[in-house]
Amino acid sequence: MAARERVRVWFLIKADPKRISDVRVQLKKLDEEQGDAIAVIRIDEVEDKNGEYNLVAPIDLKNDDSGMSNFTKVTDRLKKSRYVINHNYLKVTGHDPEIPHLAEGYISPTEFANDDKHHGREQVYGIDYFTLLVTPGRQKHSPGFTPWG
């Protein structure tokens, strides 16, 4: 089986709870520095029942000859961060190709009504959210496309 051109890795991160925003900035900076080689899809704050992790970040990595140098760039950045207490990862080895194309997001009425930042005619990344999100409920696009994820 030929190596895939890209690989997705879900990084599980335990950050200092007071410095989560700093870890997000570090990952965003890595994304900006590496261009298409490392694409940070999102960075979500999560609740882990065991308290092991408080951030999850799916990251698409371009495979190269070694297959892991971009992966190493991410793990090295996490290891060097004084705000990261621990991290682990889940490497995607297979997926259902239909699901990403069928994915839809859902925005509750409360989320929609209370989000002054994106509600109205404000342009965010060139998108008019009033036109895009006229009503709450099931959206016809990926959950990551909306400001609520």
Protein backbone atom coordinates (compact mmCIF):
# COMPACT_ATOMS: atom_id res chain seq x y z
CA MET A 1 0.00 0.00 0.00
CA ALA A 2 1.41 3.38 -1.01
CA ALA A 3 1.97 6.03 1.62
CA ARG A 4 -0.71 8.68 1.82
CA GLU A 5 0.11 12.19 0.76
CA ARG A 6 -1.21 13.56 4.06
CA VAL A 7 -1.95 12.18 7.48
CA ARG A 8 -4.26 13.54 10.18
CA VAL A 9 -3.17 13.38 13.80
CA TRP A 10 -5.39 14.33 16.75
CA PHE A 11 -3.11 15.83 19.40
CA LEU A 12 -4.36 15.50 22.98
CA ILE A 13 -2.80 18.20 25.12
CA LYS A 14 -2.72 18.95 28.84
CA ALA A 15 -1.95 22.65 29.07
CA ASP A 16 -1.58 24.80 32.14
CA PRO A 17 -5.25 25.82 32.63
CA LYS A 18 -4.19 29.46 33.05
CA ARG A 19 -2.15 29.40 29.82
CA ILE A 20 -4.44 27.59 27.36
CA SER A 21 -4.63 30.66 25.15
CA ASP A 22 -0.81 30.71 24.96
CA VAL A 23 -0.74 27.11 23.73
CA ARG A 24 -3.36 27.98 21.10
CA VAL A 25 -1.17 30.87 19.93
CA GLN A 26 1.86 28.56 19.71
CA LEU A 27 -0.03 26.05 17.57
CA LYS A 28 -1.46 28.78 15.34
CA LYS A 29 2.06 30.16 14.88
CA LEU A 30 3.32 26.70 13.87
CA ASP A 31 0.48 26.52 11.32
CA GLU A 32 1.45 29.93 9.89
CA GLU A 33 5.17 29.09 9.77
CA GLN A 34 4.80 25.78 7.97
CA GLY A 35 2.34 26.67 5.23
CA ASP A 36 0.58 23.64 3.79
CA ALA A 37 3.00 21.17 5.40
CA ILE A 38 1.22 21.53 8.76
CA ALA A 39 -2.43 22.57 8.77
CA VAL A 40 -3.99 23.06 12.20
CA ILE A 41 -7.66 22.25 11.60
CA ARG A 42 -8.96 23.52 14.95
CA ILE A 43 -7.96 23.79 18.60
CA ASP A 44 -10.74 22.93 21.04
CA GLU A 45 -10.81 23.18 24.79
CA VAL A 46 -12.19 19.88 26.11
CA GLU A 47 -13.29 18.26 29.34
CA ASP A 48 -11.63 14.92 29.99
CA LYS A 49 -13.30 12.74 32.64
CA ASN A 50 -9.84 11.65 33.85
CA GLY A 51 -8.41 15.17 33.76
CA GLU A 52 -5.53 14.09 31.51
CA TYR A 53 -6.15 16.58 28.67
CA ASN A 54 -7.82 19.94 28.23
CA LEU A 55 -7.12 20.66 24.54
CA VAL A 56 -7.55 18.62 21.37
CA ALA A 57 -6.11 19.72 18.04
CA PRO A 58 -6.62 17.76 14.82
CA ILE A 59 -3.72 18.62 12.54
CA ASP A 60 -3.19 17.58 8.91
CA LEU A 61 0.43 16.83 8.10
CA LYS A 62 2.08 16.47 4.73
CA ASN A 63 3.93 13.16 4.47
CA ASP A 64 7.49 13.33 3.27
CA ASP A 65 10.05 10.56 2.67
CA SER A 66 10.38 9.80 6.39
CA GLY A 67 6.63 10.17 6.85
CA MET A 68 7.04 11.77 10.27
CA SER A 69 9.20 14.92 10.11
CA ASN A 70 6.18 17.25 10.18
CA PHE A 71 4.79 15.17 13.03
CA THR A 72 8.11 15.68 14.84
CA LYS A 73 7.88 19.45 14.33
CA VAL A 74 4.54 19.48 16.14
CA THR A 75 5.64 17.20 18.99
CA ASP A 76 8.89 19.15 19.42
CA ARG A 77 6.91 22.41 19.68
CA LEU A 78 4.65 20.85 22.32
CA LYS A 79 7.62 19.44 24.27
CA LYS A 80 9.40 22.81 24.25
CA SER A 81 6.34 24.75 25.40
CA ARG A 82 6.54 25.66 29.07
CA TYR A 83 2.72 25.75 29.11
CA VAL A 84 2.24 22.14 27.94
CA ILE A 85 2.24 19.69 30.84
CA ASN A 86 1.68 16.55 28.79
CA HIS A 87 0.55 15.46 25.34
CA ASN A 88 -0.37 12.36 23.40
CA TYR A 89 -1.73 11.71 19.94
CA LEU A 90 -4.08 9.59 17.87
CA LYS A 91 -2.91 9.02 14.29
CA VAL A 92 -5.73 8.40 11.83
CA THR A 93 -5.12 5.15 9.97
CA GLY A 94 -8.43 4.92 8.13
CA HIS A 95 -11.69 6.76 7.67
CA ASP A 96 -15.09 6.56 6.04
CA PRO A 97 -14.71 8.83 2.99
CA GLU A 98 -18.43 9.66 2.85
CA ILE A 99 -18.75 11.14 6.35
CA PRO A 100 -16.68 14.34 5.89
CA HIS A 101 -18.64 15.19 2.76
CA LEU A 102 -21.98 14.56 4.48
CA ALA A 103 -21.04 16.36 7.70
CA GLU A 104 -23.40 19.02 8.94
CA GLY A 105 -23.14 21.34 11.91
CA TYR A 106 -25.83 22.30 14.36
CA ILE A 107 -26.25 25.69 16.01
CA SER A 108 -28.64 25.92 18.92
CA PRO A 109 -31.05 28.86 19.19
CA THR A 110 -29.21 30.01 22.34
CA GLU A 111 -25.79 29.96 20.64
CA PHE A 112 -27.17 31.87 17.69
CA ALA A 113 -29.04 34.49 19.74
CA ASN A 114 -26.21 35.14 22.21
CA ASP A 115 -23.29 35.39 19.83
CA ASP A 116 -22.99 39.12 19.17
CA LYS A 117 -19.54 38.68 17.66
CA HIS A 118 -20.81 36.73 14.65
CA HIS A 119 -24.49 37.65 14.58
CA GLY A 120 -25.63 40.35 12.22
CA ARG A 121 -23.96 41.60 9.10
CA GLU A 122 -20.39 41.46 10.38
CA GLN A 123 -17.93 40.01 7.92
CA VAL A 124 -15.69 37.30 9.37
CA TYR A 125 -13.06 35.90 7.00
CA GLY A 126 -15.09 37.47 4.20
CA ILE A 127 -18.24 35.56 5.14
CA ASP A 128 -21.51 37.35 5.83
CA TYR A 129 -22.79 35.23 8.74
CA PHE A 130 -26.25 36.79 8.61
CA THR A 131 -26.77 35.38 5.13
CA LEU A 132 -25.03 32.11 5.93
CA LEU A 133 -26.70 31.48 9.29
CA VAL A 134 -30.13 32.98 8.87
CA THR A 135 -31.69 30.58 11.37
CA PRO A 136 -30.33 28.28 14.04
CA GLY A 137 -30.54 24.51 13.62
CA ARG A 138 -28.89 22.06 11.24
CA GLN A 139 -26.41 23.70 8.89
CA LYS A 140 -25.52 22.38 5.45
CA HIS A 141 -21.77 22.44 5.97
CA SER A 142 -19.04 21.07 8.20
CA PRO A 143 -19.22 21.89 11.93
CA GLY A 144 -15.76 23.47 11.74
CA PHE A 145 -17.07 26.02 9.25
CA THR A 146 -19.14 27.82 11.89
CA PRO A 147 -17.76 29.92 14.75
CA TRP A 148 -19.28 27.46 17.22
CA GLY A 149 -17.56 24.38 15.79
